[in-house]
N, C-alpha and C. Protein backbone atom coordinates (compact mmCIF):
# COMPACT_ATOMS: atom_id res chain seq x y z
N MET A 1 13.28 -1.67 18.90
CA MET A 1 13.04 -2.11 17.46
C MET A 1 13.13 -0.83 16.72
N ALA A 2 13.81 -0.75 15.61
CA ALA A 2 13.97 0.28 14.68
C ALA A 2 12.71 0.51 13.76
N MET A 3 12.44 1.82 13.44
CA MET A 3 11.41 2.02 12.55
C MET A 3 11.84 1.64 11.15
N GLN A 4 10.81 1.05 10.46
CA GLN A 4 11.32 0.43 9.12
C GLN A 4 11.45 1.54 8.11
N SER A 5 10.57 2.53 7.99
CA SER A 5 10.69 3.71 7.24
C SER A 5 9.64 4.75 7.57
N ASP A 6 9.78 6.05 7.06
CA ASP A 6 8.88 6.91 7.33
C ASP A 6 7.69 6.69 6.59
N VAL A 7 6.46 7.00 7.16
CA VAL A 7 5.15 6.81 6.74
C VAL A 7 4.72 8.16 5.90
N GLN A 8 4.23 7.90 4.67
CA GLN A 8 3.85 9.04 3.90
C GLN A 8 2.26 8.88 3.46
N ALA A 9 1.61 9.73 3.14
CA ALA A 9 0.26 9.59 2.55
C ALA A 9 0.10 9.95 1.16
N SER A 10 -0.55 9.22 0.31
CA SER A 10 -0.78 9.40 -0.92
C SER A 10 -1.88 10.50 -1.24
N ALA A 11 -2.01 11.03 -2.44
CA ALA A 11 -2.99 12.04 -2.87
C ALA A 11 -4.30 11.06 -2.90
N PRO A 12 -5.53 11.57 -2.66
CA PRO A 12 -6.69 10.79 -2.64
C PRO A 12 -6.93 10.30 -3.98
N LEU A 13 -7.09 8.98 -3.94
CA LEU A 13 -7.42 8.17 -5.23
C LEU A 13 -8.94 8.21 -5.50
N THR A 14 -9.45 8.93 -6.44
CA THR A 14 -10.70 9.10 -6.72
C THR A 14 -11.21 8.34 -7.95
N ALA A 15 -10.32 8.02 -8.75
CA ALA A 15 -10.64 7.28 -10.13
C ALA A 15 -9.36 6.37 -10.33
N THR A 16 -9.75 5.33 -11.16
CA THR A 16 -8.76 4.23 -11.48
C THR A 16 -7.44 5.04 -12.04
N GLY A 17 -6.32 4.54 -11.51
CA GLY A 17 -5.08 5.02 -11.99
C GLY A 17 -3.83 4.74 -11.00
N GLN A 18 -2.77 5.29 -11.33
CA GLN A 18 -1.66 5.16 -10.45
C GLN A 18 -1.77 5.94 -9.07
N VAL A 19 -1.19 5.33 -8.09
CA VAL A 19 -1.43 6.03 -6.83
C VAL A 19 -0.13 6.96 -6.82
N THR A 20 -0.34 8.26 -6.44
CA THR A 20 0.79 9.24 -6.38
C THR A 20 0.79 9.77 -5.10
N ASN A 21 2.02 10.49 -4.77
CA ASN A 21 2.26 11.15 -3.40
C ASN A 21 1.29 12.31 -3.21
N ASN A 22 1.32 12.75 -1.96
CA ASN A 22 0.26 13.80 -1.56
C ASN A 22 0.38 15.06 -2.54
N ALA A 23 1.60 15.44 -3.26
CA ALA A 23 1.70 16.47 -3.90
C ALA A 23 1.21 16.06 -5.48
N GLY A 24 0.77 14.86 -5.59
CA GLY A 24 0.39 14.53 -6.99
C GLY A 24 1.29 13.86 -7.88
N THR A 25 2.76 13.83 -7.39
CA THR A 25 3.75 13.29 -8.34
C THR A 25 4.58 12.31 -7.34
N PRO A 26 5.48 11.54 -7.84
CA PRO A 26 5.37 11.01 -9.34
C PRO A 26 4.44 9.99 -9.38
N ALA A 27 4.11 9.63 -10.69
CA ALA A 27 3.01 8.58 -11.07
C ALA A 27 3.67 7.17 -10.63
N ASN A 28 4.83 7.06 -10.48
CA ASN A 28 5.28 5.71 -9.90
C ASN A 28 6.09 5.95 -8.53
N LEU A 29 5.51 5.40 -7.47
CA LEU A 29 5.92 5.66 -6.19
C LEU A 29 7.13 4.73 -5.93
N GLY A 30 7.42 3.70 -6.90
CA GLY A 30 8.42 2.72 -6.67
C GLY A 30 8.22 1.72 -5.57
N ARG A 31 9.15 1.11 -5.10
CA ARG A 31 8.89 0.04 -4.02
C ARG A 31 8.56 0.81 -2.59
N ILE A 32 7.35 0.19 -2.30
CA ILE A 32 6.68 0.70 -1.06
C ILE A 32 6.08 -0.43 -0.28
N ARG A 33 5.50 -0.13 0.93
CA ARG A 33 4.79 -1.12 1.64
C ARG A 33 3.58 -0.33 2.03
N ILE A 34 2.34 -0.90 1.71
CA ILE A 34 1.10 -0.24 2.24
C ILE A 34 0.84 -0.51 3.54
N LYS A 35 0.68 0.55 4.33
CA LYS A 35 0.59 0.44 5.84
C LYS A 35 -0.86 0.52 6.43
N SER A 36 -1.52 1.33 5.73
CA SER A 36 -3.15 1.54 6.03
C SER A 36 -3.76 2.31 5.03
N LEU A 37 -5.06 2.43 5.03
CA LEU A 37 -5.91 3.01 4.04
C LEU A 37 -7.00 3.90 4.82
N TYR A 38 -7.39 4.94 4.18
CA TYR A 38 -8.38 5.82 4.67
C TYR A 38 -9.50 5.85 3.59
N VAL A 39 -10.66 5.41 3.75
CA VAL A 39 -11.52 4.97 2.80
C VAL A 39 -12.78 5.89 2.96
N VAL A 40 -13.40 6.47 1.76
CA VAL A 40 -14.63 7.27 1.89
C VAL A 40 -15.45 6.39 0.93
N PRO A 41 -16.39 5.87 1.37
CA PRO A 41 -17.37 4.96 0.50
C PRO A 41 -18.15 5.78 -0.30
N GLY A 42 -18.75 5.21 -1.31
CA GLY A 42 -19.97 5.88 -2.16
C GLY A 42 -21.31 5.62 -1.77
N SER A 43 -22.17 5.90 -2.65
CA SER A 43 -23.46 5.68 -2.21
C SER A 43 -23.99 4.41 -2.60
N THR A 44 -23.23 3.51 -3.44
CA THR A 44 -23.41 2.11 -3.65
C THR A 44 -22.33 1.27 -3.13
N ALA A 45 -22.57 0.02 -3.02
CA ALA A 45 -21.50 -0.89 -2.46
C ALA A 45 -20.39 -0.79 -3.75
N GLY A 46 -19.09 -0.84 -3.50
CA GLY A 46 -18.04 -0.78 -4.52
C GLY A 46 -16.88 -1.63 -4.20
N SER A 47 -15.71 -1.26 -4.74
CA SER A 47 -14.49 -1.92 -4.48
C SER A 47 -13.24 -1.01 -4.86
N VAL A 48 -12.15 -1.35 -4.27
CA VAL A 48 -10.91 -0.81 -4.75
C VAL A 48 -9.92 -1.96 -4.97
N VAL A 49 -9.25 -2.12 -6.16
CA VAL A 49 -8.43 -3.22 -6.32
C VAL A 49 -7.06 -2.63 -6.58
N PHE A 50 -6.04 -3.07 -5.54
CA PHE A 50 -4.74 -2.59 -5.81
C PHE A 50 -3.97 -3.63 -6.48
N ARG A 51 -3.14 -3.10 -7.41
CA ARG A 51 -2.23 -4.04 -8.19
C ARG A 51 -0.80 -3.46 -8.18
N ASP A 52 0.11 -4.43 -8.20
CA ASP A 52 1.54 -4.08 -8.46
C ASP A 52 1.89 -3.90 -9.97
N ASN A 53 2.52 -2.98 -10.42
CA ASN A 53 2.96 -2.92 -11.80
C ASN A 53 1.93 -2.66 -12.85
N GLY A 54 0.99 -1.69 -12.31
CA GLY A 54 0.04 -1.32 -13.51
C GLY A 54 -1.39 -1.89 -13.35
N ALA A 55 -2.25 -1.63 -14.42
CA ALA A 55 -3.66 -2.11 -14.32
C ALA A 55 -3.74 -3.53 -14.70
N SER A 56 -2.71 -4.28 -15.26
CA SER A 56 -2.80 -5.58 -15.48
C SER A 56 -1.87 -6.36 -14.58
N GLY A 57 -1.21 -5.81 -13.69
CA GLY A 57 -0.19 -6.37 -12.72
C GLY A 57 -1.00 -7.39 -11.72
N ASP A 58 -0.29 -7.85 -10.95
CA ASP A 58 -0.60 -8.82 -9.84
C ASP A 58 -1.48 -8.12 -8.86
N ILE A 59 -2.74 -8.78 -8.44
CA ILE A 59 -3.51 -8.10 -7.56
C ILE A 59 -2.99 -8.29 -6.06
N LEU A 60 -2.81 -7.19 -5.41
CA LEU A 60 -2.18 -7.25 -4.04
C LEU A 60 -3.41 -7.15 -3.06
N LEU A 61 -4.45 -6.53 -3.18
CA LEU A 61 -5.51 -6.46 -2.23
C LEU A 61 -6.87 -6.02 -2.80
N THR A 62 -7.81 -6.74 -2.55
CA THR A 62 -9.22 -6.14 -3.27
C THR A 62 -9.99 -5.87 -1.81
N LEU A 63 -10.37 -4.49 -1.91
CA LEU A 63 -11.18 -4.02 -0.65
C LEU A 63 -12.40 -3.72 -1.15
N ASN A 64 -13.43 -4.38 -0.53
CA ASN A 64 -14.85 -4.09 -0.90
C ASN A 64 -15.38 -3.00 -0.05
N THR A 65 -16.18 -2.03 -0.55
CA THR A 65 -16.42 -0.83 0.24
C THR A 65 -18.06 -0.97 0.37
N PRO A 66 -18.69 -0.58 1.58
CA PRO A 66 -19.99 -0.68 1.66
C PRO A 66 -20.68 0.51 1.24
N ALA A 67 -22.08 0.40 0.99
CA ALA A 67 -22.83 1.46 0.54
C ALA A 67 -23.30 2.43 1.63
N VAL A 68 -22.49 3.19 2.00
CA VAL A 68 -22.82 4.22 3.15
C VAL A 68 -22.46 5.60 2.89
N ALA A 69 -22.87 6.13 1.85
CA ALA A 69 -22.62 7.52 1.60
C ALA A 69 -23.07 8.49 2.56
N ASN A 70 -22.32 9.45 2.88
CA ASN A 70 -22.53 10.35 3.98
C ASN A 70 -22.51 9.92 5.57
N ALA A 71 -22.02 8.50 5.52
CA ALA A 71 -22.03 7.87 6.86
C ALA A 71 -20.55 7.96 7.37
N GLY A 72 -19.77 8.56 6.78
CA GLY A 72 -18.29 8.71 7.28
C GLY A 72 -17.55 7.75 6.75
N ALA A 73 -16.25 8.22 6.75
CA ALA A 73 -15.16 7.44 6.48
C ALA A 73 -14.56 6.49 7.36
N TYR A 74 -13.69 5.54 6.95
CA TYR A 74 -13.12 4.50 7.98
C TYR A 74 -11.73 4.13 7.59
N SER A 75 -11.03 3.72 8.47
CA SER A 75 -9.61 3.34 8.20
C SER A 75 -9.46 1.82 8.27
N VAL A 76 -8.53 1.22 7.37
CA VAL A 76 -8.13 -0.12 7.30
C VAL A 76 -6.75 -0.20 7.77
N ILE A 77 -6.38 -0.94 9.02
CA ILE A 77 -4.96 -1.02 9.11
C ILE A 77 -4.48 -2.43 8.52
N ILE A 78 -3.21 -2.40 7.97
CA ILE A 78 -2.60 -3.55 7.33
C ILE A 78 -1.62 -3.98 8.46
N PRO A 79 -1.81 -5.31 8.93
CA PRO A 79 -1.00 -5.90 9.95
C PRO A 79 0.36 -6.20 9.56
N GLY A 80 1.29 -6.33 10.40
CA GLY A 80 2.74 -6.78 10.25
C GLY A 80 3.31 -5.55 9.69
N GLU A 81 4.32 -5.87 8.67
CA GLU A 81 5.06 -4.89 7.88
C GLU A 81 4.19 -4.23 6.72
N GLY A 82 2.97 -4.58 6.65
CA GLY A 82 2.32 -4.04 5.36
C GLY A 82 2.35 -4.88 4.26
N ILE A 83 1.77 -4.49 3.05
CA ILE A 83 1.81 -5.18 1.74
C ILE A 83 2.79 -4.42 0.86
N LEU A 84 3.70 -5.42 0.43
CA LEU A 84 4.93 -5.00 -0.36
C LEU A 84 4.50 -4.80 -1.74
N VAL A 85 4.84 -3.62 -2.34
CA VAL A 85 4.54 -3.15 -3.67
C VAL A 85 5.96 -3.13 -4.38
N GLU A 86 6.15 -4.00 -5.37
CA GLU A 86 7.55 -3.98 -5.81
C GLU A 86 7.83 -2.96 -6.72
N THR A 87 6.85 -2.55 -7.67
CA THR A 87 7.38 -1.49 -8.73
C THR A 87 6.47 -0.32 -8.71
N ASN A 88 5.24 -0.35 -8.77
CA ASN A 88 4.51 0.91 -8.60
C ASN A 88 2.88 0.46 -8.21
N LEU A 89 2.11 1.22 -7.53
CA LEU A 89 0.84 0.93 -7.12
C LEU A 89 -0.28 1.54 -7.94
N HIS A 90 -1.15 0.63 -8.45
CA HIS A 90 -2.18 1.12 -9.14
C HIS A 90 -3.52 0.60 -8.49
N GLY A 91 -4.54 1.59 -8.58
CA GLY A 91 -5.75 1.31 -7.87
C GLY A 91 -6.85 1.35 -8.99
N THR A 92 -7.76 0.30 -8.96
CA THR A 92 -9.00 0.30 -9.83
C THR A 92 -10.23 0.77 -8.94
N VAL A 93 -10.71 1.87 -9.10
CA VAL A 93 -11.92 2.28 -8.07
C VAL A 93 -13.22 2.21 -8.83
N SER A 94 -14.27 1.54 -7.95
CA SER A 94 -15.54 1.32 -8.45
C SER A 94 -16.49 1.69 -7.29
N ASN A 95 -17.26 2.59 -7.45
CA ASN A 95 -18.28 3.05 -6.61
C ASN A 95 -17.75 3.39 -5.21
N THR A 96 -16.57 4.06 -5.13
CA THR A 96 -15.88 4.40 -3.90
C THR A 96 -15.34 5.98 -4.17
N ALA A 97 -15.91 6.71 -3.26
CA ALA A 97 -15.53 8.23 -3.36
C ALA A 97 -14.14 8.45 -3.39
N SER A 98 -13.25 7.98 -2.47
CA SER A 98 -11.87 8.13 -2.44
C SER A 98 -11.19 7.21 -1.41
N VAL A 99 -9.77 7.06 -1.71
CA VAL A 99 -8.94 6.32 -0.89
C VAL A 99 -7.76 6.92 -0.65
N VAL A 100 -7.31 7.08 0.44
CA VAL A 100 -5.71 7.51 0.63
C VAL A 100 -4.96 6.41 1.36
N VAL A 101 -3.85 6.17 0.64
CA VAL A 101 -2.91 5.20 1.02
C VAL A 101 -1.74 5.68 1.72
N PHE A 102 -1.54 5.18 3.00
CA PHE A 102 -0.47 5.48 3.83
C PHE A 102 0.55 4.32 3.68
N TYR A 103 1.81 4.70 3.17
CA TYR A 103 2.81 3.80 2.84
C TYR A 103 4.20 4.40 3.45
N GLY A 104 5.16 3.35 3.29
CA GLY A 104 6.48 3.49 3.86
C GLY A 104 7.32 2.73 3.13
């Protein structure tokens, strides 16, 4: 079985906005597949809502985060080929310290 694509890591998403590559550019990653997430929760329960095509685009994933500040980060593995993002990935962050997106 051939590898679908190289996996890359985003810059940590700490506030609502476009997900960028690890260097912080470009604002639009284009067509990607979300493979996994590395989440650092906040001190209160929160969430991260991922959308395709900006803040008002289609919701791809809502990730609820627990209230476990200083209790450590955790990983979320997306099954199969991942979640397809057609145009660009936007995250709305609420009471979550940071999220790193692994994509290909």
